[in-house]
Amino acid sequence: MPIDNPIESPQSFMAIYLTPGRGRLNAPQEVIRARYEQCEDMACVLTERAQTLSFKESLSESEILSRCCQGLRDDDADFNEKEAQWVICRLAELLGWERTWKPQRSA
């Protein structure tokens, strides 16, 4: 019996799973919802780390966001490229930081 889950994925996250040119989702809603919850949780977890780096290391917001993104792109992390970028944008939003960070292609 499916569990009713009131959490809705925002359009910005759903866009990650749209098939270009077709406008259709390329994954089941349950998968997208689970991935959204994981990404949202990660953004929330990273807020404390980002604030600590900002305070103790005196790093720029852009540098902190870049470092966090590098960590999400690590092979051990469970995020694809688009999800990592979404997490970082959400992190900046949660912190009230301007989005001056620009994603760099991973090698």
PDB file of N, CA and C in Angstrom:
ATOM      1  N   MET A   1       0.839  -1.169   0.000  1.00  0.00           N
ATOM      2  CA  MET A   1       0.000   0.000   0.000  1.00  0.00           C
ATOM      3  C   MET A   1       0.888   1.237   0.000  1.00  0.00           C
ATOM      4  N   PRO A   2       0.747   2.107  -0.975  1.00  0.00           N
ATOM      5  CA  PRO A   2       1.607   3.289  -1.045  1.00  0.00           C
ATOM      6  C   PRO A   2       1.332   4.249   0.111  1.00  0.00           C
ATOM      7  N   ILE A   3       2.390   4.862   0.576  1.00  0.00           N
ATOM      8  CA  ILE A   3       2.281   5.845   1.645  1.00  0.00           C
ATOM      9  C   ILE A   3       2.019   7.196   1.008  1.00  0.00           C
ATOM     10  N   ASP A   4       1.022   7.897   1.539  1.00  0.00           N
ATOM     11  CA  ASP A   4       0.737   9.243   1.045  1.00  0.00           C
ATOM     12  C   ASP A   4       1.866  10.163   1.461  1.00  0.00           C
ATOM     13  N   ASN A   5       2.499  10.792   0.501  1.00  0.00           N
ATOM     14  CA  ASN A   5       3.616  11.684   0.795  1.00  0.00           C
ATOM     15  C   ASN A   5       3.246  13.089   0.340  1.00  0.00           C
ATOM     16  N   PRO A   6       2.999  13.993   1.304  1.00  0.00           N
ATOM     17  CA  PRO A   6       2.560  15.337   0.934  1.00  0.00           C
ATOM     18  C   PRO A   6       3.667  16.219   0.371  1.00  0.00           C
ATOM     19  N   ILE A   7       4.911  15.772   0.435  1.00  0.00           N
ATOM     20  CA  ILE A   7       6.021  16.582  -0.056  1.00  0.00           C
ATOM     21  C   ILE A   7       5.983  16.610  -1.578  1.00  0.00           C
ATOM     22  N   GLU A   8       5.960  17.803  -2.118  1.00  0.00           N
ATOM     23  CA  GLU A   8       5.967  17.973  -3.570  1.00  0.00           C
ATOM     24  C   GLU A   8       7.319  18.503  -3.999  1.00  0.00           C
ATOM     25  N   SER A   9       7.853  17.965  -5.055  1.00  0.00           N
ATOM     26  CA  SER A   9       9.122  18.453  -5.587  1.00  0.00           C
ATOM     27  C   SER A   9       8.876  19.765  -6.323  1.00  0.00           C
ATOM     28  N   PRO A  10       9.708  20.788  -6.081  1.00  0.00           N
ATOM     29  CA  PRO A  10       9.525  22.057  -6.791  1.00  0.00           C
ATOM     30  C   PRO A  10       9.856  21.912  -8.275  1.00  0.00           C
ATOM     31  N   GLN A  11       9.317  22.810  -9.070  1.00  0.00           N
ATOM     32  CA  GLN A  11       9.552  22.775 -10.518  1.00  0.00           C
ATOM     33  C   GLN A  11      11.037  22.848 -10.856  1.00  0.00           C
ATOM     34  N   SER A  12      11.796  23.609 -10.070  1.00  0.00           N
ATOM     35  CA  SER A  12      13.236  23.720 -10.344  1.00  0.00           C
ATOM     36  C   SER A  12      13.918  22.365 -10.231  1.00  0.00           C
ATOM     37  N   PHE A  13      13.427  21.518  -9.342  1.00  0.00           N
ATOM     38  CA  PHE A  13      14.007  20.180  -9.206  1.00  0.00           C
ATOM     39  C   PHE A  13      13.454  19.248 -10.273  1.00  0.00           C
ATOM     40  N   MET A  14      12.170  19.341 -10.542  1.00  0.00           N
ATOM     41  CA  MET A  14      11.548  18.484 -11.557  1.00  0.00           C
ATOM     42  C   MET A  14      12.216  18.677 -12.917  1.00  0.00           C
ATOM     43  N   ALA A  15      12.698  19.888 -13.180  1.00  0.00           N
ATOM     44  CA  ALA A  15      13.345  20.185 -14.464  1.00  0.00           C
ATOM     45  C   ALA A  15      14.561  19.300 -14.704  1.00  0.00           C
ATOM     46  N   ILE A  16      15.193  18.836 -13.635  1.00  0.00           N
ATOM     47  CA  ILE A  16      16.352  17.947 -13.766  1.00  0.00           C
ATOM     48  C   ILE A  16      15.957  16.667 -14.491  1.00  0.00           C
ATOM     49  N   TYR A  17      14.734  16.240 -14.291  1.00  0.00           N
ATOM     50  CA  TYR A  17      14.274  14.959 -14.818  1.00  0.00           C
ATOM     51  C   TYR A  17      13.387  15.078 -16.057  1.00  0.00           C
ATOM     52  N   LEU A  18      13.384  16.248 -16.688  1.00  0.00           N
ATOM     53  CA  LEU A  18      12.628  16.408 -17.928  1.00  0.00           C
ATOM     54  C   LEU A  18      13.468  15.969 -19.116  1.00  0.00           C
ATOM     55  N   THR A  19      12.852  15.237 -20.010  1.00  0.00           N
ATOM     56  CA  THR A  19      13.523  14.845 -21.240  1.00  0.00           C
ATOM     57  C   THR A  19      13.526  16.045 -22.174  1.00  0.00           C
ATOM     58  N   PRO A  20      14.713  16.515 -22.593  1.00  0.00           N
ATOM     59  CA  PRO A  20      14.783  17.690 -23.477  1.00  0.00           C
ATOM     60  C   PRO A  20      13.958  17.484 -24.747  1.00  0.00           C
ATOM     61  N   GLY A  21      13.201  18.507 -25.099  1.00  0.00           N
ATOM     62  CA  GLY A  21      12.418  18.466 -26.324  1.00  0.00           C
ATOM     63  C   GLY A  21      11.104  17.717 -26.209  1.00  0.00           C
ATOM     64  N   ARG A  22      10.909  16.991 -25.127  1.00  0.00           N
ATOM     65  CA  ARG A  22       9.678  16.216 -24.989  1.00  0.00           C
ATOM     66  C   ARG A  22       8.808  16.707 -23.843  1.00  0.00           C
ATOM     67  N   GLY A  23       9.441  17.341 -22.863  1.00  0.00           N
ATOM     68  CA  GLY A  23       8.675  17.843 -21.731  1.00  0.00           C
ATOM     69  C   GLY A  23       8.093  16.766 -20.838  1.00  0.00           C
ATOM     70  N   ARG A  24       8.653  15.567 -20.916  1.00  0.00           N
ATOM     71  CA  ARG A  24       8.179  14.460 -20.085  1.00  0.00           C
ATOM     72  C   ARG A  24       9.240  14.078 -19.069  1.00  0.00           C
ATOM     73  N   LEU A  25       8.773  13.636 -17.921  1.00  0.00           N
ATOM     74  CA  LEU A  25       9.695  13.173 -16.894  1.00  0.00           C
ATOM     75  C   LEU A  25      10.309  11.848 -17.319  1.00  0.00           C
ATOM     76  N   ASN A  26      11.604  11.687 -17.044  1.00  0.00           N
ATOM     77  CA  ASN A  26      12.293  10.463 -17.442  1.00  0.00           C
ATOM     78  C   ASN A  26      12.545   9.530 -16.259  1.00  0.00           C
ATOM     79  N   ALA A  27      11.808   9.741 -15.171  1.00  0.00           N
ATOM     80  CA  ALA A  27      11.891   8.871 -13.996  1.00  0.00           C
ATOM     81  C   ALA A  27      10.520   8.874 -13.318  1.00  0.00           C
ATOM     82  N   PRO A  28      10.205   7.800 -12.605  1.00  0.00           N
ATOM     83  CA  PRO A  28       8.920   7.755 -11.893  1.00  0.00           C
ATOM     84  C   PRO A  28       8.847   8.818 -10.791  1.00  0.00           C
ATOM     85  N   GLN A  29       7.636   9.278 -10.510  1.00  0.00           N
ATOM     86  CA  GLN A  29       7.425  10.298  -9.478  1.00  0.00           C
ATOM     87  C   GLN A  29       8.035   9.895  -8.141  1.00  0.00           C
ATOM     88  N   GLU A  30       7.932   8.618  -7.774  1.00  0.00           N
ATOM     89  CA  GLU A  30       8.464   8.156  -6.489  1.00  0.00           C
ATOM     90  C   GLU A  30       9.976   8.340  -6.430  1.00  0.00           C
ATOM     91  N   VAL A  31      10.643   8.069  -7.543  1.00  0.00           N
ATOM     92  CA  VAL A  31      12.101   8.229  -7.610  1.00  0.00           C
ATOM     93  C   VAL A  31      12.460   9.708  -7.508  1.00  0.00           C
ATOM     94  N   ILE A  32      11.746  10.531  -8.246  1.00  0.00           N
ATOM     95  CA  ILE A  32      12.018  11.975  -8.227  1.00  0.00           C
ATOM     96  C   ILE A  32      11.787  12.531  -6.828  1.00  0.00           C
ATOM     97  N   ARG A  33      10.716  12.122  -6.188  1.00  0.00           N
ATOM     98  CA  ARG A  33      10.419  12.593  -4.834  1.00  0.00           C
ATOM     99  C   ARG A  33      11.521  12.172  -3.864  1.00  0.00           C
ATOM    100  N   ALA A  34      11.981  10.933  -3.962  1.00  0.00           N
ATOM    101  CA  ALA A  34      13.050  10.451  -3.077  1.00  0.00           C
ATOM    102  C   ALA A  34      14.348  11.216  -3.322  1.00  0.00           C
ATOM    103  N   ARG A  35      14.664  11.455  -4.591  1.00  0.00           N
ATOM    104  CA  ARG A  35      15.885  12.206  -4.914  1.00  0.00           C
ATOM    105  C   ARG A  35      15.773  13.650  -4.415  1.00  0.00           C
ATOM    106  N   TYR A  36      14.588  14.245  -4.571  1.00  0.00           N
ATOM    107  CA  TYR A  36      14.376  15.606  -4.078  1.00  0.00           C
ATOM    108  C   TYR A  36      14.605  15.666  -2.569  1.00  0.00           C
ATOM    109  N   GLU A  37      14.025  14.728  -1.845  1.00  0.00           N
ATOM    110  CA  GLU A  37      14.185  14.719  -0.393  1.00  0.00           C
ATOM    111  C   GLU A  37      15.653  14.588  -0.011  1.00  0.00           C
ATOM    112  N   GLN A  38      16.389  13.740  -0.731  1.00  0.00           N
ATOM    113  CA  GLN A  38      17.815  13.577  -0.451  1.00  0.00           C
ATOM    114  C   GLN A  38      18.572  14.876  -0.740  1.00  0.00           C
ATOM    115  N   CYS A  39      18.268  15.514  -1.843  1.00  0.00           N
ATOM    116  CA  CYS A  39      18.949  16.764  -2.203  1.00  0.00           C
ATOM    117  C   CYS A  39      18.596  17.892  -1.238  1.00  0.00           C
ATOM    118  N   GLU A  40      17.338  17.999  -0.874  1.00  0.00           N
ATOM    119  CA  GLU A  40      16.912  19.032   0.078  1.00  0.00           C
ATOM    120  C   GLU A  40      17.580  18.807   1.433  1.00  0.00           C
ATOM    121  N   ASP A  41      17.624  17.553   1.876  1.00  0.00           N
ATOM    122  CA  ASP A  41      18.295  17.236   3.139  1.00  0.00           C
ATOM    123  C   ASP A  41      19.764  17.623   3.088  1.00  0.00           C
ATOM    124  N   MET A  42      20.423  17.334   1.970  1.00  0.00           N
ATOM    125  CA  MET A  42      21.845  17.666   1.847  1.00  0.00           C
ATOM    126  C   MET A  42      22.055  19.174   1.888  1.00  0.00           C
ATOM    127  N   ALA A  43      21.207  19.921   1.217  1.00  0.00           N
ATOM    128  CA  ALA A  43      21.328  21.383   1.248  1.00  0.00           C
ATOM    129  C   ALA A  43      21.198  21.895   2.677  1.00  0.00           C
ATOM    130  N   CYS A  44      20.271  21.331   3.430  1.00  0.00           N
ATOM    131  CA  CYS A  44      20.088  21.741   4.828  1.00  0.00           C
ATOM    132  C   CYS A  44      21.299  21.371   5.677  1.00  0.00           C
ATOM    133  N   VAL A  45      21.836  20.180   5.470  1.00  0.00           N
ATOM    134  CA  VAL A  45      23.020  19.735   6.217  1.00  0.00           C
ATOM    135  C   VAL A  45      24.215  20.638   5.922  1.00  0.00           C
ATOM    136  N   LEU A  46      24.350  21.045   4.674  1.00  0.00           N
ATOM    137  CA  LEU A  46      25.504  21.860   4.278  1.00  0.00           C
ATOM    138  C   LEU A  46      25.446  23.298   4.793  1.00  0.00           C
ATOM    139  N   THR A  47      24.287  23.757   5.243  1.00  0.00           N
ATOM    140  CA  THR A  47      24.204  25.148   5.705  1.00  0.00           C
ATOM    141  C   THR A  47      25.145  25.415   6.869  1.00  0.00           C
ATOM    142  N   GLU A  48      25.191  24.506   7.831  1.00  0.00           N
ATOM    143  CA  GLU A  48      26.071  24.704   8.984  1.00  0.00           C
ATOM    144  C   GLU A  48      27.537  24.700   8.559  1.00  0.00           C
ATOM    145  N   ARG A  49      27.893  23.767   7.697  1.00  0.00           N
ATOM    146  CA  ARG A  49      29.281  23.685   7.209  1.00  0.00           C
ATOM    147  C   ARG A  49      29.658  24.961   6.463  1.00  0.00           C
ATOM    148  N   ALA A  50      28.767  25.438   5.622  1.00  0.00           N
ATOM    149  CA  ALA A  50      29.041  26.651   4.844  1.00  0.00           C
ATOM    150  C   ALA A  50      29.185  27.868   5.757  1.00  0.00           C
ATOM    151  N   GLN A  51      28.338  27.969   6.754  1.00  0.00           N
ATOM    152  CA  GLN A  51      28.437  29.085   7.696  1.00  0.00           C
ATOM    153  C   GLN A  51      29.746  29.027   8.477  1.00  0.00           C
ATOM    154  N   THR A  52      30.167  27.826   8.853  1.00  0.00           N
ATOM    155  CA  THR A  52      31.432  27.658   9.571  1.00  0.00           C
ATOM    156  C   THR A  52      32.598  28.085   8.697  1.00  0.00           C
ATOM    157  N   LEU A  53      32.594  27.659   7.438  1.00  0.00           N
ATOM    158  CA  LEU A  53      33.665  28.058   6.520  1.00  0.00           C
ATOM    159  C   LEU A  53      33.688  29.569   6.330  1.00  0.00           C
ATOM    160  N   SER A  54      32.528  30.160   6.245  1.00  0.00           N
ATOM    161  CA  SER A  54      32.447  31.604   6.059  1.00  0.00           C
ATOM    162  C   SER A  54      33.013  32.344   7.267  1.00  0.00           C
ATOM    163  N   PHE A  55      32.689  31.862   8.455  1.00  0.00           N
ATOM    164  CA  PHE A  55      33.112  32.533   9.681  1.00  0.00           C
ATOM    165  C   PHE A  55      34.576  32.254  10.022  1.00  0.00           C
ATOM    166  N   LYS A  56      34.965  30.973  10.015  1.00  0.00           N
ATOM    167  CA  LYS A  56      36.314  30.601  10.477  1.00  0.00           C
ATOM    168  C   LYS A  56      37.391  30.758   9.419  1.00  0.00           C
ATOM    169  N   GLU A  57      37.050  30.509   8.174  1.00  0.00           N
ATOM    170  CA  GLU A  57      38.052  30.528   7.106  1.00  0.00           C
ATOM    171  C   GLU A  57      38.038  31.832   6.313  1.00  0.00           C
ATOM    172  N   SER A  58      37.049  32.651   6.539  1.00  0.00           N
ATOM    173  CA  SER A  58      36.896  33.923   5.814  1.00  0.00           C
ATOM    174  C   SER A  58      36.921  33.730   4.298  1.00  0.00           C
ATOM    175  N   LEU A  59      36.263  32.680   3.842  1.00  0.00           N
ATOM    176  CA  LEU A  59      36.177  32.406   2.407  1.00  0.00           C
ATOM    177  C   LEU A  59      34.989  33.160   1.816  1.00  0.00           C
ATOM    178  N   SER A  60      35.072  33.455   0.529  1.00  0.00           N
ATOM    179  CA  SER A  60      33.953  34.107  -0.150  1.00  0.00           C
ATOM    180  C   SER A  60      32.804  33.108  -0.303  1.00  0.00           C
ATOM    181  N   GLU A  61      31.613  33.635  -0.467  1.00  0.00           N
ATOM    182  CA  GLU A  61      30.453  32.778  -0.682  1.00  0.00           C
ATOM    183  C   GLU A  61      30.661  31.891  -1.903  1.00  0.00           C
ATOM    184  N   SER A  62      31.195  32.464  -2.956  1.00  0.00           N
ATOM    185  CA  SER A  62      31.430  31.722  -4.192  1.00  0.00           C
ATOM    186  C   SER A  62      32.407  30.566  -3.970  1.00  0.00           C
ATOM    187  N   GLU A  63      33.468  30.808  -3.222  1.00  0.00           N
ATOM    188  CA  GLU A  63      34.460  29.760  -2.940  1.00  0.00           C
ATOM    189  C   GLU A  63      33.845  28.646  -2.100  1.00  0.00           C
ATOM    190  N   ILE A  64      33.056  29.014  -1.130  1.00  0.00           N
ATOM    191  CA  ILE A  64      32.404  28.014  -0.281  1.00  0.00           C
ATOM    192  C   ILE A  64      31.456  27.153  -1.109  1.00  0.00           C
ATOM    193  N   LEU A  65      30.654  27.782  -1.945  1.00  0.00           N
ATOM    194  CA  LEU A  65      29.721  27.033  -2.787  1.00  0.00           C
ATOM    195  C   LEU A  65      30.465  26.123  -3.757  1.00  0.00           C
ATOM    196  N   SER A  66      31.581  26.598  -4.303  1.00  0.00           N
ATOM    197  CA  SER A  66      32.389  25.775  -5.210  1.00  0.00           C
ATOM    198  C   SER A  66      32.946  24.558  -4.493  1.00  0.00           C
ATOM    199  N   ARG A  67      33.433  24.756  -3.282  1.00  0.00           N
ATOM    200  CA  ARG A  67      33.977  23.632  -2.507  1.00  0.00           C
ATOM    201  C   ARG A  67      32.894  22.609  -2.173  1.00  0.00           C
ATOM    202  N   CYS A  68      31.743  23.094  -1.785  1.00  0.00           N
ATOM    203  CA  CYS A  68      30.633  22.185  -1.489  1.00  0.00           C
ATOM    204  C   CYS A  68      30.236  21.394  -2.733  1.00  0.00           C
ATOM    205  N   CYS A  69      30.211  22.058  -3.868  1.00  0.00           N
ATOM    206  CA  CYS A  69      29.854  21.385  -5.117  1.00  0.00           C
ATOM    207  C   CYS A  69      30.882  20.318  -5.476  1.00  0.00           C
ATOM    208  N   GLN A  70      32.153  20.615  -5.274  1.00  0.00           N
ATOM    209  CA  GLN A  70      33.199  19.621  -5.533  1.00  0.00           C
ATOM    210  C   GLN A  70      32.964  18.379  -4.690  1.00  0.00           C
ATOM    211  N   GLY A  71      32.597  18.573  -3.428  1.00  0.00           N
ATOM    212  CA  GLY A  71      32.311  17.438  -2.555  1.00  0.00           C
ATOM    213  C   GLY A  71      31.134  16.617  -3.043  1.00  0.00           C
ATOM    214  N   LEU A  72      30.117  17.280  -3.560  1.00  0.00           N
ATOM    215  CA  LEU A  72      28.948  16.563  -4.068  1.00  0.00           C
ATOM    216  C   LEU A  72      29.261  15.803  -5.353  1.00  0.00           C
ATOM    217  N   ARG A  73      30.254  16.254  -6.082  1.00  0.00           N
ATOM    218  CA  ARG A  73      30.635  15.597  -7.336  1.00  0.00           C
ATOM    219  C   ARG A  73      31.585  14.423  -7.108  1.00  0.00           C
ATOM    220  N   ASP A  74      32.048  14.251  -5.893  1.00  0.00           N
ATOM    221  CA  ASP A  74      32.956  13.161  -5.560  1.00  0.00           C
ATOM    222  C   ASP A  74      32.300  11.831  -5.918  1.00  0.00           C
ATOM    223  N   ASP A  75      33.112  10.876  -6.316  1.00  0.00           N
ATOM    224  CA  ASP A  75      32.587   9.569  -6.704  1.00  0.00           C
ATOM    225  C   ASP A  75      31.813   8.887  -5.576  1.00  0.00           C
ATOM    226  N   ASP A  76      32.180   9.184  -4.332  1.00  0.00           N
ATOM    227  CA  ASP A  76      31.501   8.567  -3.193  1.00  0.00           C
ATOM    228  C   ASP A  76      30.151   9.215  -2.895  1.00  0.00           C
ATOM    229  N   ALA A  77      29.939  10.400  -3.408  1.00  0.00           N
ATOM    230  CA  ALA A  77      28.662  11.093  -3.191  1.00  0.00           C
ATOM    231  C   ALA A  77      27.615  10.497  -4.126  1.00  0.00           C
ATOM    232  N   ASP A  78      26.391  10.576  -3.716  1.00  0.00           N
ATOM    233  CA  ASP A  78      25.305   9.958  -4.485  1.00  0.00           C
ATOM    234  C   ASP A  78      24.466  11.006  -5.215  1.00  0.00           C
ATOM    235  N   PHE A  79      25.154  11.929  -5.908  1.00  0.00           N
ATOM    236  CA  PHE A  79      24.453  12.993  -6.622  1.00  0.00           C
ATOM    237  C   PHE A  79      24.995  13.097  -8.038  1.00  0.00           C
ATOM    238  N   ASN A  80      24.091  13.226  -9.008  1.00  0.00           N
ATOM    239  CA  ASN A  80      24.569  13.460 -10.364  1.00  0.00           C
ATOM    240  C   ASN A  80      24.879  14.951 -10.521  1.00  0.00           C
ATOM    241  N   GLU A  81      25.408  15.327 -11.659  1.00  0.00           N
ATOM    242  CA  GLU A  81      25.851  16.708 -11.897  1.00  0.00           C
ATOM    243  C   GLU A  81      24.725  17.728 -11.685  1.00  0.00           C
ATOM    244  N   LYS A  82      23.570  17.467 -12.265  1.00  0.00           N
ATOM    245  CA  LYS A  82      22.453  18.411 -12.156  1.00  0.00           C
ATOM    246  C   LYS A  82      21.921  18.489 -10.729  1.00  0.00           C
ATOM    247  N   GLU A  83      21.895  17.357 -10.046  1.00  0.00           N
ATOM    248  CA  GLU A  83      21.453  17.371  -8.655  1.00  0.00           C
ATOM    249  C   GLU A  83      22.424  18.168  -7.790  1.00  0.00           C
ATOM    250  N   ALA A  84      23.723  17.982  -8.014  1.00  0.00           N
ATOM    251  CA  ALA A  84      24.735  18.726  -7.249  1.00  0.00           C
ATOM    252  C   ALA A  84      24.542  20.227  -7.448  1.00  0.00           C
ATOM    253  N   GLN A  85      24.308  20.639  -8.673  1.00  0.00           N
ATOM    254  CA  GLN A  85      24.090  22.061  -8.945  1.00  0.00           C
ATOM    255  C   GLN A  85      22.818  22.557  -8.260  1.00  0.00           C
ATOM    256  N   TRP A  86      21.776  21.750  -8.262  1.00  0.00           N
ATOM    257  CA  TRP A  86      20.536  22.144  -7.600  1.00  0.00           C
ATOM    258  C   TRP A  86      20.761  22.292  -6.096  1.00  0.00           C
ATOM    259  N   VAL A  87      21.486  21.342  -5.498  1.00  0.00           N
ATOM    260  CA  VAL A  87      21.775  21.408  -4.058  1.00  0.00           C
ATOM    261  C   VAL A  87      22.505  22.707  -3.727  1.00  0.00           C
ATOM    262  N   ILE A  88      23.478  23.081  -4.547  1.00  0.00           N
ATOM    263  CA  ILE A  88      24.254  24.296  -4.281  1.00  0.00           C
ATOM    264  C   ILE A  88      23.383  25.543  -4.439  1.00  0.00           C
ATOM    265  N   CYS A  89      22.535  25.568  -5.436  1.00  0.00           N
ATOM    266  CA  CYS A  89      21.608  26.708  -5.593  1.00  0.00           C
ATOM    267  C   CYS A  89      20.664  26.794  -4.399  1.00  0.00           C
ATOM    268  N   ARG A  90      20.201  25.655  -3.945  1.00  0.00           N
ATOM    269  CA  ARG A  90      19.308  25.626  -2.779  1.00  0.00           C
ATOM    270  C   ARG A  90      20.063  26.054  -1.523  1.00  0.00           C
ATOM    271  N   LEU A  91      21.307  25.614  -1.381  1.00  0.00           N
ATOM    272  CA  LEU A  91      22.139  26.016  -0.246  1.00  0.00           C
ATOM    273  C   LEU A  91      22.279  27.532  -0.203  1.00  0.00           C
ATOM    274  N   ALA A  92      22.602  28.123  -1.336  1.00  0.00           N
ATOM    275  CA  ALA A  92      22.738  29.586  -1.408  1.00  0.00           C
ATOM    276  C   ALA A  92      21.423  30.261  -1.017  1.00  0.00           C
ATOM    277  N   GLU A  93      20.322  29.702  -1.474  1.00  0.00           N
ATOM    278  CA  GLU A  93      19.003  30.250  -1.139  1.00  0.00           C
ATOM    279  C   GLU A  93      18.742  30.163   0.368  1.00  0.00           C
ATOM    280  N   LEU A  94      19.042  29.015   0.971  1.00  0.00           N
ATOM    281  CA  LEU A  94      18.828  28.839   2.409  1.00  0.00           C
ATOM    282  C   LEU A  94      19.666  29.808   3.236  1.00  0.00           C
ATOM    283  N   LEU A  95      20.864  30.109   2.744  1.00  0.00           N
ATOM    284  CA  LEU A  95      21.769  31.006   3.455  1.00  0.00           C
ATOM    285  C   LEU A  95      21.492  32.479   3.158  1.00  0.00           C
ATOM    286  N   GLY A  96      20.640  32.730   2.178  1.00  0.00           N
ATOM    287  CA  GLY A  96      20.357  34.108   1.791  1.00  0.00           C
ATOM    288  C   GLY A  96      21.512  34.743   1.038  1.00  0.00           C
ATOM    289  N   TRP A  97      22.329  33.901   0.402  1.00  0.00           N
ATOM    290  CA  TRP A  97      23.479  34.384  -0.363  1.00  0.00           C
ATOM    291  C   TRP A  97      23.052  34.644  -1.798  1.00  0.00           C
ATOM    292  N   GLU A  98      23.674  35.640  -2.392  1.00  0.00           N
ATOM    293  CA  GLU A  98      23.445  35.874  -3.814  1.00  0.00           C
ATOM    294  C   GLU A  98      24.068  34.728  -4.591  1.00  0.00           C
ATOM    295  N   ARG A  99      23.466  34.429  -5.687  1.00  0.00           N
ATOM    296  CA  ARG A  99      24.002  33.325  -6.481  1.00  0.00           C
ATOM    297  C   ARG A  99      25.045  33.858  -7.453  1.00  0.00           C
ATOM    298  N   THR A 100      26.219  34.144  -6.928  1.00  0.00           N
ATOM    299  CA  THR A 100      27.324  34.593  -7.774  1.00  0.00           C
ATOM    300  C   THR A 100      28.142  33.403  -8.240  1.00  0.00           C
ATOM    301  N   TRP A 101      27.908  32.264  -7.622  1.00  0.00           N
ATOM    302  CA  TRP A 101      28.631  31.043  -7.969  1.00  0.00           C
ATOM    303  C   TRP A 101      28.153  30.530  -9.319  1.00  0.00           C
ATOM    304  N   LYS A 102      29.102  30.163 -10.148  1.00  0.00           N
ATOM    305  CA  LYS A 102      28.794  29.580 -11.454  1.00  0.00           C
ATOM    306  C   LYS A 102      29.335  28.154 -11.468  1.00  0.00           C
ATOM    307  N   PRO A 103      28.504  27.191 -11.836  1.00  0.00           N
ATOM    308  CA  PRO A 103      28.985  25.810 -11.856  1.00  0.00           C
ATOM    309  C   PRO A 103      30.102  25.628 -12.870  1.00  0.00           C
ATOM    310  N   GLN A 104      31.079  24.838 -12.475  1.00  0.00           N
ATOM    311  CA  GLN A 104      32.170  24.490 -13.382  1.00  0.00           C
ATOM    312  C   GLN A 104      32.011  23.031 -13.740  1.00  0.00           C
ATOM    313  N   ARG A 105      32.333  22.711 -14.949  1.00  0.00           N
ATOM    314  CA  ARG A 105      32.245  21.327 -15.394  1.00  0.00           C
ATOM    315  C   ARG A 105      33.242  20.477 -14.627  1.00  0.00           C
ATOM    316  N   SER A 106      32.779  19.304 -14.200  1.00  0.00           N
ATOM    317  CA  SER A 106      33.706  18.394 -13.538  1.00  0.00           C
ATOM    318  C   SER A 106      34.563  17.721 -14.594  1.00  0.00           C
ATOM    319  N   ALA A 107      35.756  17.348 -14.177  1.00  0.00           N
ATOM    320  CA  ALA A 107      36.710  16.757 -15.126  1.00  0.00           C
ATOM    321  C   ALA A 107      36.378  15.335 -15.447  1.00  0.00           C
TER     322      ALA A 107
END
